[in-house]
mmCIF file of all heavy atoms, coordinates in Angstrom:
data_MODEL
# 
_entry.id   MODEL 
# 
loop_
_atom_site.group_PDB 
_atom_site.id 
_atom_site.type_symbol 
_atom_site.label_atom_id 
_atom_site.label_alt_id 
_atom_site.label_comp_id 
_atom_site.label_asym_id 
_atom_site.label_entity_id 
_atom_site.label_seq_id 
_atom_site.pdbx_PDB_ins_code 
_atom_site.Cartn_x 
_atom_site.Cartn_y 
_atom_site.Cartn_z 
_atom_site.occupancy 
_atom_site.B_iso_or_equiv 
_atom_site.pdbx_formal_charge 
_atom_site.auth_seq_id 
_atom_site.auth_comp_id 
_atom_site.auth_asym_id 
_atom_site.auth_atom_id 
_atom_site.pdbx_PDB_model_num 
ATOM 1   N N   . ASN A 1 1  ? 69.766 124.857 90.448 1.00 0.00 ? 1  ASN A N   1 
ATOM 2   C CA  . ASN A 1 1  ? 68.942 124.097 91.393 1.00 0.00 ? 1  ASN A CA  1 
ATOM 3   C C   . ASN A 1 1  ? 67.747 123.444 90.717 1.00 0.00 ? 1  ASN A C   1 
ATOM 4   O O   . ASN A 1 1  ? 67.452 122.283 90.970 1.00 0.00 ? 1  ASN A O   1 
ATOM 5   C CB  . ASN A 1 1  ? 68.464 125.007 92.546 1.00 0.00 ? 1  ASN A CB  1 
ATOM 6   C CG  . ASN A 1 1  ? 69.573 125.356 93.495 1.00 0.00 ? 1  ASN A CG  1 
ATOM 7   O OD1 . ASN A 1 1  ? 70.583 124.662 93.563 1.00 0.00 ? 1  ASN A OD1 1 
ATOM 8   N ND2 . ASN A 1 1  ? 69.404 126.453 94.228 1.00 0.00 ? 1  ASN A ND2 1 
ATOM 9   N N   . ALA A 1 2  ? 67.087 124.195 89.839 1.00 0.00 ? 2  ALA A N   1 
ATOM 10  C CA  . ALA A 1 2  ? 65.929 123.642 89.129 1.00 0.00 ? 2  ALA A CA  1 
ATOM 11  C C   . ALA A 1 2  ? 66.369 122.483 88.249 1.00 0.00 ? 2  ALA A C   1 
ATOM 12  O O   . ALA A 1 2  ? 65.711 121.430 88.193 1.00 0.00 ? 2  ALA A O   1 
ATOM 13  C CB  . ALA A 1 2  ? 65.240 124.727 88.294 1.00 0.00 ? 2  ALA A CB  1 
ATOM 14  N N   . PHE A 1 3  ? 67.492 122.655 87.573 1.00 0.00 ? 3  PHE A N   1 
ATOM 15  C CA  . PHE A 1 3  ? 68.003 121.583 86.712 1.00 0.00 ? 3  PHE A CA  1 
ATOM 16  C C   . PHE A 1 3  ? 68.314 120.344 87.511 1.00 0.00 ? 3  PHE A C   1 
ATOM 17  O O   . PHE A 1 3  ? 67.962 119.218 87.120 1.00 0.00 ? 3  PHE A O   1 
ATOM 18  C CB  . PHE A 1 3  ? 69.263 122.061 85.973 1.00 0.00 ? 3  PHE A CB  1 
ATOM 19  C CG  . PHE A 1 3  ? 69.881 120.995 85.120 1.00 0.00 ? 3  PHE A CG  1 
ATOM 20  C CD1 . PHE A 1 3  ? 69.326 120.655 83.911 1.00 0.00 ? 3  PHE A CD1 1 
ATOM 21  C CD2 . PHE A 1 3  ? 71.016 120.322 85.557 1.00 0.00 ? 3  PHE A CD2 1 
ATOM 22  C CE1 . PHE A 1 3  ? 69.879 119.678 83.115 1.00 0.00 ? 3  PHE A CE1 1 
ATOM 23  C CE2 . PHE A 1 3  ? 71.579 119.319 84.799 1.00 0.00 ? 3  PHE A CE2 1 
ATOM 24  C CZ  . PHE A 1 3  ? 71.033 118.999 83.567 1.00 0.00 ? 3  PHE A CZ  1 
ATOM 25  N N   . ASN A 1 4  ? 68.984 120.504 88.683 1.00 0.00 ? 4  ASN A N   1 
ATOM 26  C CA  . ASN A 1 4  ? 69.323 119.337 89.517 1.00 0.00 ? 4  ASN A CA  1 
ATOM 27  C C   . ASN A 1 4  ? 68.076 118.636 90.005 1.00 0.00 ? 4  ASN A C   1 
ATOM 28  O O   . ASN A 1 4  ? 68.054 117.379 90.071 1.00 0.00 ? 4  ASN A O   1 
ATOM 29  C CB  . ASN A 1 4  ? 70.208 119.779 90.668 1.00 0.00 ? 4  ASN A CB  1 
ATOM 30  C CG  . ASN A 1 4  ? 71.606 120.178 90.223 1.00 0.00 ? 4  ASN A CG  1 
ATOM 31  O OD1 . ASN A 1 4  ? 72.122 119.656 89.207 1.00 0.00 ? 4  ASN A OD1 1 
ATOM 32  N ND2 . ASN A 1 4  ? 72.216 121.112 90.932 1.00 0.00 ? 4  ASN A ND2 1 
ATOM 33  N N   . GLU A 1 5  ? 67.059 119.371 90.357 1.00 0.00 ? 5  GLU A N   1 
ATOM 34  C CA  . GLU A 1 5  ? 65.795 118.743 90.798 1.00 0.00 ? 5  GLU A CA  1 
ATOM 35  C C   . GLU A 1 5  ? 65.164 117.951 89.645 1.00 0.00 ? 5  GLU A C   1 
ATOM 36  O O   . GLU A 1 5  ? 64.649 116.818 89.887 1.00 0.00 ? 5  GLU A O   1 
ATOM 37  C CB  . GLU A 1 5  ? 64.826 119.819 91.313 1.00 0.00 ? 5  GLU A CB  1 
ATOM 38  C CG  . GLU A 1 5  ? 65.234 120.462 92.611 1.00 0.00 ? 5  GLU A CG  1 
ATOM 39  C CD  . GLU A 1 5  ? 65.281 119.465 93.759 1.00 0.00 ? 5  GLU A CD  1 
ATOM 40  O OE1 . GLU A 1 5  ? 64.375 118.624 93.878 1.00 0.00 ? 5  GLU A OE1 1 
ATOM 41  O OE2 . GLU A 1 5  ? 66.250 119.541 94.549 1.00 0.00 ? 5  GLU A OE2 1 
ATOM 42  N N   . ILE A 1 6  ? 65.179 118.501 88.456 1.00 0.00 ? 6  ILE A N   1 
ATOM 43  C CA  . ILE A 1 6  ? 64.624 117.778 87.291 1.00 0.00 ? 6  ILE A CA  1 
ATOM 44  C C   . ILE A 1 6  ? 65.424 116.508 87.037 1.00 0.00 ? 6  ILE A C   1 
ATOM 45  O O   . ILE A 1 6  ? 64.847 115.443 86.775 1.00 0.00 ? 6  ILE A O   1 
ATOM 46  C CB  . ILE A 1 6  ? 64.601 118.695 86.049 1.00 0.00 ? 6  ILE A CB  1 
ATOM 47  C CG1 . ILE A 1 6  ? 63.580 119.835 86.253 1.00 0.00 ? 6  ILE A CG1 1 
ATOM 48  C CG2 . ILE A 1 6  ? 64.276 117.903 84.777 1.00 0.00 ? 6  ILE A CG2 1 
ATOM 49  C CD1 . ILE A 1 6  ? 63.679 120.930 85.213 1.00 0.00 ? 6  ILE A CD1 1 
ATOM 50  N N   . MET A 1 7  ? 66.744 116.605 87.130 1.00 0.00 ? 7  MET A N   1 
ATOM 51  C CA  . MET A 1 7  ? 67.601 115.424 86.918 1.00 0.00 ? 7  MET A CA  1 
ATOM 52  C C   . MET A 1 7  ? 67.257 114.336 87.924 1.00 0.00 ? 7  MET A C   1 
ATOM 53  O O   . MET A 1 7  ? 67.186 113.163 87.556 1.00 0.00 ? 7  MET A O   1 
ATOM 54  C CB  . MET A 1 7  ? 69.086 115.813 87.054 1.00 0.00 ? 7  MET A CB  1 
ATOM 55  C CG  . MET A 1 7  ? 69.663 116.542 85.861 1.00 0.00 ? 7  MET A CG  1 
ATOM 56  S SD  . MET A 1 7  ? 69.668 115.550 84.375 1.00 0.00 ? 7  MET A SD  1 
ATOM 57  C CE  . MET A 1 7  ? 70.879 114.331 84.746 1.00 0.00 ? 7  MET A CE  1 
ATOM 58  N N   . LYS A 1 8  ? 67.055 114.706 89.187 1.00 0.00 ? 8  LYS A N   1 
ATOM 59  C CA  . LYS A 1 8  ? 66.707 113.704 90.227 1.00 0.00 ? 8  LYS A CA  1 
ATOM 60  C C   . LYS A 1 8  ? 65.369 113.060 89.901 1.00 0.00 ? 8  LYS A C   1 
ATOM 61  O O   . LYS A 1 8  ? 65.197 111.861 90.095 1.00 0.00 ? 8  LYS A O   1 
ATOM 62  C CB  . LYS A 1 8  ? 66.635 114.362 91.587 1.00 0.00 ? 8  LYS A CB  1 
ATOM 63  C CG  . LYS A 1 8  ? 67.986 114.729 92.170 1.00 0.00 ? 8  LYS A CG  1 
ATOM 64  C CD  . LYS A 1 8  ? 67.818 115.417 93.501 1.00 0.00 ? 8  LYS A CD  1 
ATOM 65  C CE  . LYS A 1 8  ? 69.113 116.052 93.959 1.00 0.00 ? 8  LYS A CE  1 
ATOM 66  N NZ  . LYS A 1 8  ? 68.903 116.911 95.151 1.00 0.00 ? 8  LYS A NZ  1 
ATOM 67  N N   . ALA A 1 9  ? 64.411 113.860 89.396 1.00 0.00 ? 9  ALA A N   1 
ATOM 68  C CA  . ALA A 1 9  ? 63.074 113.337 89.130 1.00 0.00 ? 9  ALA A CA  1 
ATOM 69  C C   . ALA A 1 9  ? 63.026 112.447 87.890 1.00 0.00 ? 9  ALA A C   1 
ATOM 70  O O   . ALA A 1 9  ? 62.237 111.518 87.832 1.00 0.00 ? 9  ALA A O   1 
ATOM 71  C CB  . ALA A 1 9  ? 62.103 114.506 88.956 1.00 0.00 ? 9  ALA A CB  1 
ATOM 72  N N   . VAL A 1 10 ? 63.872 112.716 86.895 1.00 0.00 ? 10 VAL A N   1 
ATOM 73  C CA  . VAL A 1 10 ? 63.783 112.033 85.619 1.00 0.00 ? 10 VAL A CA  1 
ATOM 74  C C   . VAL A 1 10 ? 64.774 110.887 85.452 1.00 0.00 ? 10 VAL A C   1 
ATOM 75  O O   . VAL A 1 10 ? 64.477 109.908 84.811 1.00 0.00 ? 10 VAL A O   1 
ATOM 76  C CB  . VAL A 1 10 ? 63.986 113.035 84.444 1.00 0.00 ? 10 VAL A CB  1 
ATOM 77  C CG1 . VAL A 1 10 ? 63.647 112.414 83.119 1.00 0.00 ? 10 VAL A CG1 1 
ATOM 78  C CG2 . VAL A 1 10 ? 63.128 114.275 84.640 1.00 0.00 ? 10 VAL A CG2 1 
ATOM 79  N N   . CYS A 1 11 ? 65.948 111.024 86.023 1.00 0.00 ? 11 CYS A N   1 
ATOM 80  C CA  . CYS A 1 11 ? 66.998 110.026 85.796 1.00 0.00 ? 11 CYS A CA  1 
ATOM 81  C C   . CYS A 1 11 ? 67.187 109.126 87.023 1.00 0.00 ? 11 CYS A C   1 
ATOM 82  O O   . CYS A 1 11 ? 67.159 109.584 88.144 1.00 0.00 ? 11 CYS A O   1 
ATOM 83  C CB  . CYS A 1 11 ? 68.326 110.738 85.502 1.00 0.00 ? 11 CYS A CB  1 
ATOM 84  S SG  . CYS A 1 11 ? 68.305 111.705 83.996 1.00 0.00 ? 11 CYS A SG  1 
ATOM 85  N N   . ASN A 1 12 ? 67.427 107.872 86.720 1.00 0.00 ? 12 ASN A N   1 
ATOM 86  C CA  . ASN A 1 12 ? 67.699 106.908 87.798 1.00 0.00 ? 12 ASN A CA  1 
ATOM 87  C C   . ASN A 1 12 ? 69.038 107.254 88.438 1.00 0.00 ? 12 ASN A C   1 
ATOM 88  O O   . ASN A 1 12 ? 69.198 107.092 89.656 1.00 0.00 ? 12 ASN A O   1 
ATOM 89  C CB  . ASN A 1 12 ? 67.759 105.491 87.252 1.00 0.00 ? 12 ASN A CB  1 
ATOM 90  C CG  . ASN A 1 12 ? 66.385 105.026 86.780 1.00 0.00 ? 12 ASN A CG  1 
ATOM 91  O OD1 . ASN A 1 12 ? 65.372 105.591 87.206 1.00 0.00 ? 12 ASN A OD1 1 
ATOM 92  N ND2 . ASN A 1 12 ? 66.361 104.057 85.915 1.00 0.00 ? 12 ASN A ND2 1 
ATOM 93  N N   . THR A 1 13 ? 70.021 107.613 87.650 1.00 0.00 ? 13 THR A N   1 
ATOM 94  C CA  . THR A 1 13 ? 71.332 108.023 88.179 1.00 0.00 ? 13 THR A CA  1 
ATOM 95  C C   . THR A 1 13 ? 71.601 109.460 87.686 1.00 0.00 ? 13 THR A C   1 
ATOM 96  O O   . THR A 1 13 ? 72.118 109.651 86.566 1.00 0.00 ? 13 THR A O   1 
ATOM 97  C CB  . THR A 1 13 ? 72.429 107.080 87.667 1.00 0.00 ? 13 THR A CB  1 
ATOM 98  O OG1 . THR A 1 13 ? 72.373 106.993 86.239 1.00 0.00 ? 13 THR A OG1 1 
ATOM 99  C CG2 . THR A 1 13 ? 72.276 105.710 88.266 1.00 0.00 ? 13 THR A CG2 1 
ATOM 100 N N   . PRO A 1 14 ? 71.211 110.456 88.468 1.00 0.00 ? 14 PRO A N   1 
ATOM 101 C CA  . PRO A 1 14 ? 71.415 111.837 88.058 1.00 0.00 ? 14 PRO A CA  1 
ATOM 102 C C   . PRO A 1 14 ? 72.853 112.168 87.783 1.00 0.00 ? 14 PRO A C   1 
ATOM 103 O O   . PRO A 1 14 ? 73.767 111.650 88.429 1.00 0.00 ? 14 PRO A O   1 
ATOM 104 C CB  . PRO A 1 14 ? 70.900 112.659 89.260 1.00 0.00 ? 14 PRO A CB  1 
ATOM 105 C CG  . PRO A 1 14 ? 70.080 111.725 90.055 1.00 0.00 ? 14 PRO A CG  1 
ATOM 106 C CD  . PRO A 1 14 ? 70.616 110.343 89.808 1.00 0.00 ? 14 PRO A CD  1 
ATOM 107 N N   . ILE A 1 15 ? 73.075 113.014 86.781 1.00 0.00 ? 15 ILE A N   1 
ATOM 108 C CA  . ILE A 1 15 ? 74.403 113.433 86.384 1.00 0.00 ? 15 ILE A CA  1 
ATOM 109 C C   . ILE A 1 15 ? 74.555 114.904 86.750 1.00 0.00 ? 15 ILE A C   1 
ATOM 110 O O   . ILE A 1 15 ? 73.642 115.719 86.538 1.00 0.00 ? 15 ILE A O   1 
ATOM 111 C CB  . ILE A 1 15 ? 74.609 113.226 84.854 1.00 0.00 ? 15 ILE A CB  1 
ATOM 112 C CG1 . ILE A 1 15 ? 74.443 111.736 84.523 1.00 0.00 ? 15 ILE A CG1 1 
ATOM 113 C CG2 . ILE A 1 15 ? 75.956 113.735 84.416 1.00 0.00 ? 15 ILE A CG2 1 
ATOM 114 C CD1 . ILE A 1 15 ? 74.413 111.451 83.052 1.00 0.00 ? 15 ILE A CD1 1 
ATOM 115 N N   . SER A 1 16 ? 75.717 115.270 87.290 1.00 0.00 ? 16 SER A N   1 
ATOM 116 C CA  . SER A 1 16 ? 75.929 116.626 87.706 1.00 0.00 ? 16 SER A CA  1 
ATOM 117 C C   . SER A 1 16 ? 76.152 117.561 86.488 1.00 0.00 ? 16 SER A C   1 
ATOM 118 O O   . SER A 1 16 ? 76.543 117.089 85.403 1.00 0.00 ? 16 SER A O   1 
ATOM 119 C CB  . SER A 1 16 ? 77.132 116.722 88.630 1.00 0.00 ? 16 SER A CB  1 
ATOM 120 O OG  . SER A 1 16 ? 78.320 116.540 87.910 1.00 0.00 ? 16 SER A OG  1 
ATOM 121 N N   . ILE A 1 17 ? 75.946 118.846 86.714 1.00 0.00 ? 17 ILE A N   1 
ATOM 122 C CA  . ILE A 1 17 ? 76.212 119.817 85.646 1.00 0.00 ? 17 ILE A CA  1 
ATOM 123 C C   . ILE A 1 17 ? 77.676 119.769 85.243 1.00 0.00 ? 17 ILE A C   1 
ATOM 124 O O   . ILE A 1 17 ? 77.996 119.873 84.063 1.00 0.00 ? 17 ILE A O   1 
ATOM 125 C CB  . ILE A 1 17 ? 75.788 121.218 86.122 1.00 0.00 ? 17 ILE A CB  1 
ATOM 126 C CG1 . ILE A 1 17 ? 74.258 121.292 86.245 1.00 0.00 ? 17 ILE A CG1 1 
ATOM 127 C CG2 . ILE A 1 17 ? 76.295 122.298 85.154 1.00 0.00 ? 17 ILE A CG2 1 
ATOM 128 C CD1 . ILE A 1 17 ? 73.741 122.590 86.789 1.00 0.00 ? 17 ILE A CD1 1 
ATOM 129 N N   . TYR A 1 18 ? 78.565 119.572 86.219 1.00 0.00 ? 18 TYR A N   1 
ATOM 130 C CA  . TYR A 1 18 ? 79.991 119.486 85.920 1.00 0.00 ? 18 TYR A CA  1 
ATOM 131 C C   . TYR A 1 18 ? 80.254 118.308 84.943 1.00 0.00 ? 18 TYR A C   1 
ATOM 132 O O   . TYR A 1 18 ? 80.985 118.457 83.972 1.00 0.00 ? 18 TYR A O   1 
ATOM 133 C CB  . TYR A 1 18 ? 80.792 119.302 87.214 1.00 0.00 ? 18 TYR A CB  1 
ATOM 134 C CG  . TYR A 1 18 ? 82.251 119.009 86.952 1.00 0.00 ? 18 TYR A CG  1 
ATOM 135 C CD1 . TYR A 1 18 ? 83.131 120.029 86.624 1.00 0.00 ? 18 TYR A CD1 1 
ATOM 136 C CD2 . TYR A 1 18 ? 82.742 117.695 87.024 1.00 0.00 ? 18 TYR A CD2 1 
ATOM 137 C CE1 . TYR A 1 18 ? 84.463 119.789 86.377 1.00 0.00 ? 18 TYR A CE1 1 
ATOM 138 C CE2 . TYR A 1 18 ? 84.072 117.431 86.754 1.00 0.00 ? 18 TYR A CE2 1 
ATOM 139 C CZ  . TYR A 1 18 ? 84.922 118.483 86.452 1.00 0.00 ? 18 TYR A CZ  1 
ATOM 140 O OH  . TYR A 1 18 ? 86.243 118.212 86.187 1.00 0.00 ? 18 TYR A OH  1 
ATOM 141 N N   . GLN A 1 19 ? 79.631 117.134 85.217 1.00 0.00 ? 19 GLN A N   1 
ATOM 142 C CA  . GLN A 1 19 ? 79.834 115.992 84.359 1.00 0.00 ? 19 GLN A CA  1 
ATOM 143 C C   . GLN A 1 19 ? 79.307 116.256 82.923 1.00 0.00 ? 19 GLN A C   1 
ATOM 144 O O   . GLN A 1 19 ? 79.896 115.860 81.958 1.00 0.00 ? 19 GLN A O   1 
ATOM 145 C CB  . GLN A 1 19 ? 79.131 114.754 84.933 1.00 0.00 ? 19 GLN A CB  1 
ATOM 146 C CG  . GLN A 1 19 ? 79.802 114.214 86.174 1.00 0.00 ? 19 GLN A CG  1 
ATOM 147 C CD  . GLN A 1 19 ? 78.951 113.138 86.828 1.00 0.00 ? 19 GLN A CD  1 
ATOM 148 O OE1 . GLN A 1 19 ? 77.766 113.354 87.155 1.00 0.00 ? 19 GLN A OE1 1 
ATOM 149 N NE2 . GLN A 1 19 ? 79.568 111.976 87.063 1.00 0.00 ? 19 GLN A NE2 1 
ATOM 150 N N   . ILE A 1 20 ? 78.167 116.931 82.869 1.00 0.00 ? 20 ILE A N   1 
ATOM 151 C CA  . ILE A 1 20 ? 77.590 117.242 81.560 1.00 0.00 ? 20 ILE A CA  1 
ATOM 152 C C   . ILE A 1 20 ? 78.502 118.186 80.771 1.00 0.00 ? 20 ILE A C   1 
ATOM 153 O O   . ILE A 1 20 ? 78.780 117.981 79.587 1.00 0.00 ? 20 ILE A O   1 
ATOM 154 C CB  . ILE A 1 20 ? 76.184 117.850 81.704 1.00 0.00 ? 20 ILE A CB  1 
ATOM 155 C CG1 . ILE A 1 20 ? 75.218 116.792 82.300 1.00 0.00 ? 20 ILE A CG1 1 
ATOM 156 C CG2 . ILE A 1 20 ? 75.658 118.358 80.382 1.00 0.00 ? 20 ILE A CG2 1 
ATOM 157 C CD1 . ILE A 1 20 ? 73.901 117.361 82.745 1.00 0.00 ? 20 ILE A CD1 1 
ATOM 158 N N   . LYS A 1 21 ? 78.987 119.219 81.457 1.00 0.00 ? 21 LYS A N   1 
ATOM 159 C CA  . LYS A 1 21 ? 79.874 120.187 80.787 1.00 0.00 ? 21 LYS A CA  1 
ATOM 160 C C   . LYS A 1 21 ? 81.181 119.506 80.324 1.00 0.00 ? 21 LYS A C   1 
ATOM 161 O O   . LYS A 1 21 ? 81.672 119.811 79.232 1.00 0.00 ? 21 LYS A O   1 
ATOM 162 C CB  . LYS A 1 21 ? 80.193 121.347 81.695 1.00 0.00 ? 21 LYS A CB  1 
ATOM 163 C CG  . LYS A 1 21 ? 79.031 122.302 81.874 1.00 0.00 ? 21 LYS A CG  1 
ATOM 164 C CD  . LYS A 1 21 ? 79.405 123.474 82.792 1.00 0.00 ? 21 LYS A CD  1 
ATOM 165 C CE  . LYS A 1 21 ? 78.256 124.442 82.931 1.00 0.00 ? 21 LYS A CE  1 
ATOM 166 N NZ  . LYS A 1 21 ? 78.609 125.576 83.819 1.00 0.00 ? 21 LYS A NZ  1 
ATOM 167 N N   . THR A 1 22 ? 81.700 118.605 81.132 1.00 0.00 ? 22 THR A N   1 
ATOM 168 C CA  . THR A 1 22 ? 82.921 117.868 80.765 1.00 0.00 ? 22 THR A CA  1 
ATOM 169 C C   . THR A 1 22 ? 82.672 117.033 79.515 1.00 0.00 ? 22 THR A C   1 
ATOM 170 O O   . THR A 1 22 ? 83.488 117.023 78.596 1.00 0.00 ? 22 THR A O   1 
ATOM 171 C CB  . THR A 1 22 ? 83.396 116.976 81.944 1.00 0.00 ? 22 THR A CB  1 
ATOM 172 O OG1 . THR A 1 22 ? 83.601 117.814 83.063 1.00 0.00 ? 22 THR A OG1 1 
ATOM 173 C CG2 . THR A 1 22 ? 84.684 116.253 81.615 1.00 0.00 ? 22 THR A CG2 1 
ATOM 174 N N   . THR A 1 23 ? 81.529 116.337 79.476 1.00 0.00 ? 23 THR A N   1 
ATOM 175 C CA  . THR A 1 23 ? 81.174 115.534 78.325 1.00 0.00 ? 23 THR A CA  1 
ATOM 176 C C   . THR A 1 23 ? 80.981 116.420 77.089 1.00 0.00 ? 23 THR A C   1 
ATOM 177 O O   . THR A 1 23 ? 81.453 116.089 76.003 1.00 0.00 ? 23 THR A O   1 
ATOM 178 C CB  . THR A 1 23 ? 79.885 114.747 78.575 1.00 0.00 ? 23 THR A CB  1 
ATOM 179 O OG1 . THR A 1 23 ? 80.047 113.944 79.737 1.00 0.00 ? 23 THR A OG1 1 
ATOM 180 C CG2 . THR A 1 23 ? 79.486 113.890 77.390 1.00 0.00 ? 23 THR A CG2 1 
ATOM 181 N N   . LEU A 1 24 ? 80.344 117.555 77.260 1.00 0.00 ? 24 LEU A N   1 
ATOM 182 C CA  . LEU A 1 24 ? 80.094 118.471 76.157 1.00 0.00 ? 24 LEU A CA  1 
ATOM 183 C C   . LEU A 1 24 ? 81.399 118.996 75.593 1.00 0.00 ? 24 LEU A C   1 
ATOM 184 O O   . LEU A 1 24 ? 81.549 119.119 74.376 1.00 0.00 ? 24 LEU A O   1 
ATOM 185 C CB  . LEU A 1 24 ? 79.185 119.600 76.639 1.00 0.00 ? 24 LEU A CB  1 
ATOM 186 C CG  . LEU A 1 24 ? 78.476 120.433 75.619 1.00 0.00 ? 24 LEU A CG  1 
ATOM 187 C CD1 . LEU A 1 24 ? 77.658 119.559 74.679 1.00 0.00 ? 24 LEU A CD1 1 
ATOM 188 C CD2 . LEU A 1 24 ? 77.574 121.439 76.298 1.00 0.00 ? 24 LEU A CD2 1 
ATOM 189 N N   . LYS A 1 25 ? 82.362 119.283 76.445 1.00 0.00 ? 25 LYS A N   1 
ATOM 190 C CA  . LYS A 1 25 ? 83.664 119.810 76.001 1.00 0.00 ? 25 LYS A CA  1 
ATOM 191 C C   . LYS A 1 25 ? 84.374 118.756 75.145 1.00 0.00 ? 25 LYS A C   1 
ATOM 192 O O   . LYS A 1 25 ? 85.113 119.104 74.222 1.00 0.00 ? 25 LYS A O   1 
ATOM 193 C CB  . LYS A 1 25 ? 84.526 120.197 77.197 1.00 0.00 ? 25 LYS A CB  1 
ATOM 194 C CG  . LYS A 1 25 ? 84.181 121.530 77.769 1.00 0.00 ? 25 LYS A CG  1 
ATOM 195 C CD  . LYS A 1 25 ? 85.096 121.912 78.900 1.00 0.00 ? 25 LYS A CD  1 
ATOM 196 C CE  . LYS A 1 25 ? 84.689 123.219 79.520 1.00 0.00 ? 25 LYS A CE  1 
ATOM 197 N NZ  . LYS A 1 25 ? 85.551 123.630 80.630 1.00 0.00 ? 25 LYS A NZ  1 
ATOM 198 N N   . LYS A 1 26 ? 84.177 117.481 75.471 1.00 0.00 ? 26 LYS A N   1 
ATOM 199 C CA  . LYS A 1 26 ? 84.795 116.413 74.669 1.00 0.00 ? 26 LYS A CA  1 
ATOM 200 C C   . LYS A 1 26 ? 84.161 116.307 73.322 1.00 0.00 ? 26 LYS A C   1 
ATOM 201 O O   . LYS A 1 26 ? 84.805 115.981 72.317 1.00 0.00 ? 26 LYS A O   1 
ATOM 202 C CB  . LYS A 1 26 ? 84.705 115.100 75.413 1.00 0.00 ? 26 LYS A CB  1 
ATOM 203 C CG  . LYS A 1 26 ? 85.584 114.990 76.632 1.00 0.00 ? 26 LYS A CG  1 
ATOM 204 C CD  . LYS A 1 26 ? 85.382 113.683 77.341 1.00 0.00 ? 26 LYS A CD  1 
ATOM 205 C CE  . LYS A 1 26 ? 86.142 113.643 78.668 1.00 0.00 ? 26 LYS A CE  1 
ATOM 206 N NZ  . LYS A 1 26 ? 85.831 112.454 79.457 1.00 0.00 ? 26 LYS A NZ  1 
# 
């Protein structure tokens, strides 16, 4: 929850944790 709130505050287009983990796996 804290991470998602930070993402909303900092990024114009917030990315989900799922998307980040998928990118990291690649």
